[in-house]
PDB file of N, CA and C in Angstrom:
ATOM      1  N   MET A   1     111.930  32.815 131.454  1.00  0.00           N
ATOM      2  CA  MET A   1     113.709  33.323 132.475  1.00  0.00           C
ATOM      3  C   MET A   1     112.657  34.681 133.175  1.00  0.00           C
ATOM      4  N   ASN A   2     112.409  34.823 134.800  1.00  0.00           N
ATOM      5  CA  ASN A   2     112.702  36.048 134.847  1.00  0.00           C
ATOM      6  C   ASN A   2     114.088  36.883 135.467  1.00  0.00           C
ATOM      7  N   LYS A   3     113.570  37.893 135.799  1.00  0.00           N
ATOM      8  CA  LYS A   3     114.738  39.267 135.281  1.00  0.00           C
ATOM      9  C   LYS A   3     114.243  39.045 137.323  1.00  0.00           C
ATOM     10  N   PRO A   4     115.424  39.025 137.576  1.00  0.00           N
ATOM     11  CA  PRO A   4     116.466  40.397 139.179  1.00  0.00           C
ATOM     12  C   PRO A   4     115.480  40.480 139.528  1.00  0.00           C
ATOM     13  N   ALA A   5     114.053  40.736 140.373  1.00  0.00           N
ATOM     14  CA  ALA A   5     114.132  42.387 140.631  1.00  0.00           C
ATOM     15  C   ALA A   5     115.102  42.860 141.308  1.00  0.00           C
ATOM     16  N   LEU A   6     114.705  44.572 140.406  1.00  0.00           N
ATOM     17  CA  LEU A   6     115.673  45.588 140.874  1.00  0.00           C
ATOM     18  C   LEU A   6     115.435  46.801 142.900  1.00  0.00           C
ATOM     19  N   HIS A   7     116.549  46.609 143.165  1.00  0.00           N
ATOM     20  CA  HIS A   7     116.196  47.745 144.237  1.00  0.00           C
ATOM     21  C   HIS A   7     117.074  49.391 144.128  1.00  0.00           C
ATOM     22  N   CYS A   8     115.831  49.512 145.095  1.00  0.00           N
ATOM     23  CA  CYS A   8     115.939  51.658 143.934  1.00  0.00           C
ATOM     24  C   CYS A   8     117.650  51.760 145.270  1.00  0.00           C
ATOM     25  N   PRO A   9     118.547  51.724 144.762  1.00  0.00           N
ATOM     26  CA  PRO A   9     119.857  52.482 145.023  1.00  0.00           C
ATOM     27  C   PRO A   9     119.480  53.248 146.484  1.00  0.00           C
ATOM     28  N   ILE A  10     120.198  53.863 146.361  1.00  0.00           N
ATOM     29  CA  ILE A  10     118.089  55.835 147.867  1.00  0.00           C
ATOM     30  C   ILE A  10     117.727  54.151 148.563  1.00  0.00           C
ATOM     31  N   CYS A  11     116.597  54.092 148.771  1.00  0.00           N
ATOM     32  CA  CYS A  11     116.551  53.759 149.527  1.00  0.00           C
ATOM     33  C   CYS A  11     115.566  51.970 150.029  1.00  0.00           C
ATOM     34  N   LYS A  12     116.086  51.642 149.015  1.00  0.00           N
ATOM     35  CA  LYS A  12     115.925  49.467 148.898  1.00  0.00           C
ATOM     36  C   LYS A  12     114.616  49.210 148.673  1.00  0.00           C
ATOM     37  N   LYS A  13     114.119  50.001 148.307  1.00  0.00           N
ATOM     38  CA  LYS A  13     112.455  49.108 148.175  1.00  0.00           C
ATOM     39  C   LYS A  13     112.539  49.058 146.414  1.00  0.00           C
ATOM     40  N   PRO A  14     111.201  47.833 145.844  1.00  0.00           N
ATOM     41  CA  PRO A  14     112.061  47.851 144.845  1.00  0.00           C
ATOM     42  C   PRO A  14     111.824  49.085 143.566  1.00  0.00           C
ATOM     43  N   ALA A  15     112.001  48.127 143.197  1.00  0.00           N
ATOM     44  CA  ALA A  15     112.593  49.604 141.436  1.00  0.00           C
ATOM     45  C   ALA A  15     110.999  49.733 141.049  1.00  0.00           C
ATOM     46  N   GLN A  16     110.990  50.621 140.511  1.00  0.00           N
ATOM     47  CA  GLN A  16     109.430  50.863 139.311  1.00  0.00           C
ATOM     48  C   GLN A  16     109.879  51.590 138.135  1.00  0.00           C
ATOM     49  N   GLU A  17     109.312  50.608 137.023  1.00  0.00           N
ATOM     50  CA  GLU A  17     109.828  50.614 136.079  1.00  0.00           C
ATOM     51  C   GLU A  17     109.941  52.214 135.186  1.00  0.00           C
ATOM     52  N   LYS A  18     108.867  53.489 135.012  1.00  0.00           N
ATOM     53  CA  LYS A  18     109.046  54.319 134.851  1.00  0.00           C
ATOM     54  C   LYS A  18     110.461  55.236 136.042  1.00  0.00           C
ATOM     55  N   PHE A  19     110.916  54.822 136.612  1.00  0.00           N
ATOM     56  CA  PHE A  19     111.633  55.337 137.343  1.00  0.00           C
ATOM     57  C   PHE A  19     112.941  55.085 137.611  1.00  0.00           C
ATOM     58  N   LYS A  20     113.431  53.845 136.821  1.00  0.00           N
ATOM     59  CA  LYS A  20     114.304  52.822 136.992  1.00  0.00           C
ATOM     60  C   LYS A  20     115.850  53.546 136.964  1.00  0.00           C
ATOM     61  N   PRO A  21     116.918  53.392 137.768  1.00  0.00           N
ATOM     62  CA  PRO A  21     116.471  51.915 139.109  1.00  0.00           C
ATOM     63  C   PRO A  21     116.131  52.639 140.428  1.00  0.00           C
ATOM     64  N   PHE A  22     115.162  53.914 140.080  1.00  0.00           N
ATOM     65  CA  PHE A  22     114.572  54.422 141.477  1.00  0.00           C
ATOM     66  C   PHE A  22     113.250  53.620 141.307  1.00  0.00           C
ATOM     67  N   CYS A  23     112.510  54.166 142.826  1.00  0.00           N
ATOM     68  CA  CYS A  23     111.317  53.446 143.234  1.00  0.00           C
ATOM     69  C   CYS A  23     110.496  55.120 143.383  1.00  0.00           C
ATOM     70  N   SER A  24     110.872  55.836 142.630  1.00  0.00           N
ATOM     71  CA  SER A  24     110.354  56.920 142.518  1.00  0.00           C
ATOM     72  C   SER A  24     110.589  57.953 141.840  1.00  0.00           C
ATOM     73  N   LYS A  25     109.949  58.861 142.106  1.00  0.00           N
ATOM     74  CA  LYS A  25     110.533  60.725 141.748  1.00  0.00           C
ATOM     75  C   LYS A  25     112.168  60.981 143.080  1.00  0.00           C
ATOM     76  N   ARG A  26     112.057  60.853 143.780  1.00  0.00           N
ATOM     77  CA  ARG A  26     112.028  61.242 145.576  1.00  0.00           C
ATOM     78  C   ARG A  26     113.851  60.764 145.776  1.00  0.00           C
ATOM     79  N   CYS A  27     113.231  59.544 144.720  1.00  0.00           N
ATOM     80  CA  CYS A  27     114.630  58.880 145.053  1.00  0.00           C
ATOM     81  C   CYS A  27     115.976  59.425 143.438  1.00  0.00           C
ATOM     82  N   ALA A  28     115.181  59.426 142.844  1.00  0.00           N
ATOM     83  CA  ALA A  28     116.384  59.623 141.069  1.00  0.00           C
ATOM     84  C   ALA A  28     116.267  61.943 141.655  1.00  0.00           C
ATOM     85  N   ASP A  29     115.500  62.030 142.628  1.00  0.00           N
ATOM     86  CA  ASP A  29     116.168  63.131 143.185  1.00  0.00           C
ATOM     87  C   ASP A  29     116.862  63.327 143.581  1.00  0.00           C
ATOM     88  N   ILE A  30     116.602  62.786 144.223  1.00  0.00           N
ATOM     89  CA  ILE A  30     118.559  62.704 145.593  1.00  0.00           C
ATOM     90  C   ILE A  30     119.542  62.484 144.753  1.00  0.00           C
ATOM     91  N   ASP A  31     119.333  61.151 144.451  1.00  0.00           N
ATOM     92  CA  ASP A  31     120.455  60.944 143.961  1.00  0.00           C
ATOM     93  C   ASP A  31     121.190  62.158 142.984  1.00  0.00           C
ATOM     94  N   LEU A  32     120.550  62.339 142.175  1.00  0.00           N
ATOM     95  CA  LEU A  32     121.090  63.895 141.242  1.00  0.00           C
ATOM     96  C   LEU A  32     121.551  64.544 141.986  1.00  0.00           C
ATOM     97  N   GLY A  33     121.564  64.638 143.429  1.00  0.00           N
ATOM     98  CA  GLY A  33     121.673  66.121 144.066  1.00  0.00           C
ATOM     99  C   GLY A  33     123.520  65.397 144.091  1.00  0.00           C
ATOM    100  N   ARG A  34     123.019  64.473 145.096  1.00  0.00           N
ATOM    101  CA  ARG A  34     124.199  63.915 145.255  1.00  0.00           C
ATOM    102  C   ARG A  34     125.416  63.850 144.731  1.00  0.00           C
ATOM    103  N   TRP A  35     125.495  63.950 142.966  1.00  0.00           N
ATOM    104  CA  TRP A  35     126.233  64.448 142.090  1.00  0.00           C
ATOM    105  C   TRP A  35     126.150  65.410 142.101  1.00  0.00           C
ATOM    106  N   PHE A  36     125.265  66.483 142.501  1.00  0.00           N
ATOM    107  CA  PHE A  36     124.867  67.405 142.167  1.00  0.00           C
ATOM    108  C   PHE A  36     126.393  68.249 143.041  1.00  0.00           C
ATOM    109  N   TYR A  37     126.116  67.681 144.235  1.00  0.00           N
ATOM    110  CA  TYR A  37     126.576  68.486 145.734  1.00  0.00           C
ATOM    111  C   TYR A  37     128.405  67.620 145.493  1.00  0.00           C
ATOM    112  N   GLU A  38     128.767  66.787 144.459  1.00  0.00           N
ATOM    113  CA  GLU A  38     129.674  66.234 144.348  1.00  0.00           C
ATOM    114  C   GLU A  38     129.787  65.027 145.648  1.00  0.00           C
ATOM    115  N   ASP A  39     128.950  63.993 145.417  1.00  0.00           N
ATOM    116  CA  ASP A  39     128.837  63.748 147.237  1.00  0.00           C
ATOM    117  C   ASP A  39     129.688  62.075 146.660  1.00  0.00           C
ATOM    118  N   TYR A  40     129.366  61.910 145.310  1.00  0.00           N
ATOM    119  CA  TYR A  40     129.935  60.960 144.393  1.00  0.00           C
ATOM    120  C   TYR A  40     130.906  61.329 143.778  1.00  0.00           C
ATOM    121  N   ARG A  41     131.979  60.603 143.416  1.00  0.00           N
ATOM    122  CA  ARG A  41     132.644  61.183 143.002  1.00  0.00           C
ATOM    123  C   ARG A  41     133.540  59.220 142.085  1.00  0.00           C
ATOM    124  N   ILE A  42     134.347  59.391 141.091  1.00  0.00           N
ATOM    125  CA  ILE A  42     134.922  58.883 140.295  1.00  0.00           C
ATOM    126  C   ILE A  42     136.501  58.484 140.183  1.00  0.00           C
ATOM    127  N   ALA A  43     137.075  57.516 140.940  1.00  0.00           N
ATOM    128  CA  ALA A  43     138.457  57.943 141.147  1.00  0.00           C
ATOM    129  C   ALA A  43     138.643  57.868 140.425  1.00  0.00           C
ATOM    130  N   SER A  44     140.203  58.191 140.740  1.00  0.00           N
ATOM    131  CA  SER A  44     141.656  58.019 139.459  1.00  0.00           C
ATOM    132  C   SER A  44     142.250  57.765 140.614  1.00  0.00           C
ATOM    133  N   PRO A  45     143.630  57.772 139.119  1.00  0.00           N
ATOM    134  CA  PRO A  45     144.822  57.434 140.030  1.00  0.00           C
ATOM    135  C   PRO A  45     145.793  59.105 140.640  1.00  0.00           C
ATOM    136  N   PRO A  46     146.412  58.818 141.001  1.00  0.00           N
ATOM    137  CA  PRO A  46     147.504  60.171 141.626  1.00  0.00           C
ATOM    138  C   PRO A  46     147.991  60.751 140.104  1.00  0.00           C
ATOM    139  N   GLN A  47     147.179  61.961 140.769  1.00  0.00           N
ATOM    140  CA  GLN A  47     147.799  62.780 139.533  1.00  0.00           C
ATOM    141  C   GLN A  47     149.542  64.214 139.088  1.00  0.00           C
ATOM    142  N   ASN A  48     150.652  63.291 138.739  1.00  0.00           N
ATOM    143  CA  ASN A  48     151.784  64.132 138.693  1.00  0.00           C
ATOM    144  C   ASN A  48     151.673  65.207 138.354  1.00  0.00           C
ATOM    145  N   GLU A  49     151.952  66.774 139.298  1.00  0.00           N
ATOM    146  CA  GLU A  49     151.152  67.931 139.099  1.00  0.00           C
ATOM    147  C   GLU A  49     152.654  68.172 138.734  1.00  0.00           C
ATOM    148  N   GLU A  50     153.935  68.461 137.670  1.00  0.00           N
ATOM    149  CA  GLU A  50     154.598  68.953 137.042  1.00  0.00           C
ATOM    150  C   GLU A  50     154.184  68.190 135.273  1.00  0.00           C
ATOM    151  N   LYS A  51     153.674  66.767 135.926  1.00  0.00           N
ATOM    152  CA  LYS A  51     152.445  66.972 134.284  1.00  0.00           C
ATOM    153  C   LYS A  51     151.067  67.805 134.221  1.00  0.00           C
ATOM    154  N   GLU A  52     150.455  67.944 135.610  1.00  0.00           N
ATOM    155  CA  GLU A  52     148.677  68.684 134.737  1.00  0.00           C
ATOM    156  C   GLU A  52     149.318  70.158 135.017  1.00  0.00           C
ATOM    157  N   LYS A  53     150.275  70.864 135.166  1.00  0.00           N
ATOM    158  CA  LYS A  53     151.482  71.975 134.854  1.00  0.00           C
ATOM    159  C   LYS A  53     151.323  72.949 133.247  1.00  0.00           C
ATOM    160  N   GLU A  54     152.267  71.269 132.929  1.00  0.00           N
ATOM    161  CA  GLU A  54     152.549  70.936 131.765  1.00  0.00           C
ATOM    162  C   GLU A  54     150.298  71.440 130.787  1.00  0.00           C
ATOM    163  N   LEU A  55     149.911  70.518 131.595  1.00  0.00           N
ATOM    164  CA  LEU A  55     148.791  70.993 129.832  1.00  0.00           C
ATOM    165  C   LEU A  55     147.353  71.927 130.722  1.00  0.00           C
ATOM    166  N   LEU A  56     147.936  72.176 131.571  1.00  0.00           N
ATOM    167  CA  LEU A  56     147.367  73.756 131.496  1.00  0.00           C
ATOM    168  C   LEU A  56     147.794  74.782 130.538  1.00  0.00           C
ATOM    169  N   ASN A  57     149.290  74.299 131.026  1.00  0.00           N
ATOM    170  CA  ASN A  57     150.029  75.138 130.227  1.00  0.00           C
ATOM    171  C   ASN A  57     149.483  75.051 128.395  1.00  0.00           C
ATOM    172  N   SER A  58     149.610  74.609 128.197  1.00  0.00           N
ATOM    173  CA  SER A  58     149.522  74.177 127.095  1.00  0.00           C
ATOM    174  C   SER A  58     147.938  74.387 127.198  1.00  0.00           C
ATOM    175  N   ILE A  59     147.487  74.234 127.250  1.00  0.00           N
ATOM    176  CA  ILE A  59     145.571  74.472 127.432  1.00  0.00           C
ATOM    177  C   ILE A  59     145.593  76.190 127.032  1.00  0.00           C
ATOM    178  N   LYS A  60     145.947  76.844 127.741  1.00  0.00           N
ATOM    179  CA  LYS A  60     146.035  78.357 128.096  1.00  0.00           C
ATOM    180  C   LYS A  60     146.950  78.395 126.309  1.00  0.00           C
ATOM    181  N   GLU A  61     148.187  78.245 126.367  1.00  0.00           N
ATOM    182  CA  GLU A  61     148.281  78.689 124.863  1.00  0.00           C
ATOM    183  C   GLU A  61     147.845  78.836 123.730  1.00  0.00           C
ATOM    184  N   ARG A  62     147.355  77.047 123.356  1.00  0.00           N
ATOM    185  CA  ARG A  62     145.552  76.936 122.515  1.00  0.00           C
ATOM    186  C   ARG A  62     144.957  78.078 122.246  1.00  0.00           C
ATOM    187  N   LEU A  63     144.182  78.563 124.317  1.00  0.00           N
ATOM    188  CA  LEU A  63     143.685  79.532 124.142  1.00  0.00           C
ATOM    189  C   LEU A  63     143.352  80.930 123.819  1.00  0.00           C
ATOM    190  N   ASP A  64     144.702  80.762 124.423  1.00  0.00           N
ATOM    191  CA  ASP A  64     145.144  81.722 124.122  1.00  0.00           C
ATOM    192  C   ASP A  64     146.383  82.341 123.474  1.00  0.00           C
ATOM    193  N   PRO A  65     146.979  82.386 122.162  1.00  0.00           N
ATOM    194  CA  PRO A  65     148.626  81.709 121.690  1.00  0.00           C
ATOM    195  C   PRO A  65     149.375  83.557 122.136  1.00  0.00           C
ATOM    196  N   ASP A  66     148.556  84.810 122.383  1.00  0.00           N
ATOM    197  CA  ASP A  66     149.198  85.625 122.462  1.00  0.00           C
ATOM    198  C   ASP A  66     148.900  86.422 123.753  1.00  0.00           C
ATOM    199  N   PRO A  67     150.023  85.783 124.659  1.00  0.00           N
ATOM    200  CA  PRO A  67     148.743  86.678 126.011  1.00  0.00           C
ATOM    201  C   PRO A  67     149.221  88.246 126.034  1.00  0.00           C
ATOM    202  N   ASN A  68     150.477  88.948 125.145  1.00  0.00           N
ATOM    203  CA  ASN A  68     150.051  90.450 124.956  1.00  0.00           C
ATOM    204  C   ASN A  68     148.853  90.736 124.786  1.00  0.00           C
ATOM    205  N   VAL A  69     147.856  90.936 123.915  1.00  0.00           N
ATOM    206  CA  VAL A  69     146.782  91.382 123.362  1.00  0.00           C
ATOM    207  C   VAL A  69     145.984  90.924 123.972  1.00  0.00           C
ATOM    208  N   GLY A  70     145.318  92.448 124.683  1.00  0.00           N
ATOM    209  CA  GLY A  70     143.564  91.294 124.569  1.00  0.00           C
ATOM    210  C   GLY A  70     143.371  90.405 125.906  1.00  0.00           C
TER     211      GLY A  70
END
């Protein structure tokens, strides 16, 4: 059974085995750059601001249990 041909998500040329799922190092680098510059985002449900503040305070307390020391 033949596998369907994969196409590069950047330029739509056929993907090359060496750079899968991309066709070249150039397209792979373009994709990586998009992640670095936050062009891609993973959707998440809206956050409850109060719960977020509680979580941040909890983390701060764990990292620095005595805020009066240095």
